[in-house]
């Protein structure tokens, strides 16, 4: 059975692989929370702008656009932060 210190070492190694290599899930709660807030806010902003300029149908398109832009932008920022982490 793994003891707490060994589990902590596995977590550190997993985070290092997620930051430097990629292609695995990032399990840092703080990173995931930041990304969720960014995606939710850009989705809401896109829906609001779409609703102001064109009603409900455009609001749905704006929400989808905000979702995509927020996901890509926050992912890019987290990728750069992950590469510069020590």
Protein backbone atom coordinates (compact mmCIF):
# COMPACT_ATOMS: atom_id res chain seq x y z
CA UNK A 1 0.00 0.00 0.00
CA UNK A 2 1.28 3.45 -0.89
CA UNK A 3 1.99 5.84 1.90
CA UNK A 4 1.18 9.55 1.77
CA UNK A 5 4.71 10.59 0.76
CA UNK A 6 4.74 8.18 -2.19
CA UNK A 7 1.32 9.41 -3.31
CA UNK A 8 2.58 12.99 -3.14
CA UNK A 9 5.60 12.06 -5.27
CA UNK A 10 3.30 10.42 -7.84
CA UNK A 11 1.19 13.57 -7.94
CA UNK A 12 4.26 15.75 -8.49
CA UNK A 13 5.48 13.49 -11.31
CA UNK A 14 2.02 13.48 -12.89
CA UNK A 15 1.79 17.27 -12.75
CA UNK A 16 5.26 17.57 -14.27
CA UNK A 17 4.32 15.29 -17.16
CA UNK A 18 1.07 17.21 -17.71
CA UNK A 19 2.97 20.52 -17.80
CA UNK A 20 5.99 19.60 -19.89
CA UNK A 21 4.83 16.76 -22.16
CA UNK A 22 1.08 17.13 -22.35
CA UNK A 23 -1.44 14.62 -23.67
CA UNK A 24 -2.58 13.73 -20.13
CA UNK A 25 -5.22 15.26 -17.90
CA UNK A 26 -4.27 18.25 -15.79
CA UNK A 27 -5.50 17.47 -12.28
CA UNK A 28 -4.62 20.81 -10.71
CA UNK A 29 -7.83 22.13 -9.21
CA UNK A 30 -6.66 25.74 -9.42
CA UNK A 31 -5.91 25.51 -13.16
CA UNK A 32 -9.24 23.84 -13.86
CA UNK A 33 -11.10 26.46 -11.82
CA UNK A 34 -9.42 29.31 -13.71
CA UNK A 35 -10.28 27.69 -17.02
CA UNK A 36 -13.90 27.10 -16.00
CA UNK A 37 -14.31 30.74 -14.97
CA UNK A 38 -12.72 31.96 -18.21
CA UNK A 39 -14.89 29.72 -20.41
CA UNK A 40 -18.09 30.56 -18.52
CA UNK A 41 -17.43 34.30 -18.71
CA UNK A 42 -16.59 34.30 -22.44
CA UNK A 43 -19.65 32.15 -23.14
CA UNK A 44 -21.89 34.56 -21.24
CA UNK A 45 -20.25 37.55 -22.93
CA UNK A 46 -20.69 36.00 -26.37
CA UNK A 47 -24.35 35.27 -25.65
CA UNK A 48 -24.94 38.80 -24.39
CA UNK A 49 -23.31 40.41 -27.42
CA UNK A 50 -25.22 38.10 -29.74
CA UNK A 51 -28.52 38.88 -28.03
CA UNK A 52 -27.90 42.63 -28.21
CA UNK A 53 -27.09 42.52 -31.92
CA UNK A 54 -29.53 39.93 -33.17
CA UNK A 55 -31.85 38.27 -30.73
CA UNK A 56 -32.05 34.72 -29.46
CA UNK A 57 -30.64 32.86 -32.48
CA UNK A 58 -27.61 35.09 -32.69
CA UNK A 59 -27.21 34.79 -28.91
CA UNK A 60 -26.87 31.02 -29.27
CA UNK A 61 -24.23 31.48 -31.95
CA UNK A 62 -22.47 34.05 -29.79
CA UNK A 63 -22.52 31.68 -26.83
CA UNK A 64 -20.99 28.92 -28.94
CA UNK A 65 -18.35 31.32 -30.26
CA UNK A 66 -17.56 32.47 -26.73
CA UNK A 67 -17.29 28.87 -25.60
CA UNK A 68 -14.79 28.04 -28.33
CA UNK A 69 -12.75 31.23 -27.94
CA UNK A 70 -12.71 30.95 -24.15
CA UNK A 71 -11.65 27.31 -24.25
CA UNK A 72 -8.87 27.91 -26.75
CA UNK A 73 -7.58 31.12 -25.15
CA UNK A 74 -7.59 29.80 -21.59
CA UNK A 75 -6.01 26.54 -22.75
CA UNK A 76 -3.25 28.48 -24.50
CA UNK A 77 -2.59 30.58 -21.40
CA UNK A 78 -2.50 27.50 -19.16
CA UNK A 79 -0.18 25.76 -21.62
CA UNK A 80 2.27 28.65 -21.53
CA UNK A 81 2.07 28.85 -17.73
CA UNK A 82 2.63 25.08 -17.50
CA UNK A 83 5.72 25.27 -19.70
CA UNK A 84 7.24 27.99 -17.54
CA UNK A 85 6.49 26.29 -14.20
CA UNK A 86 9.42 24.85 -12.33
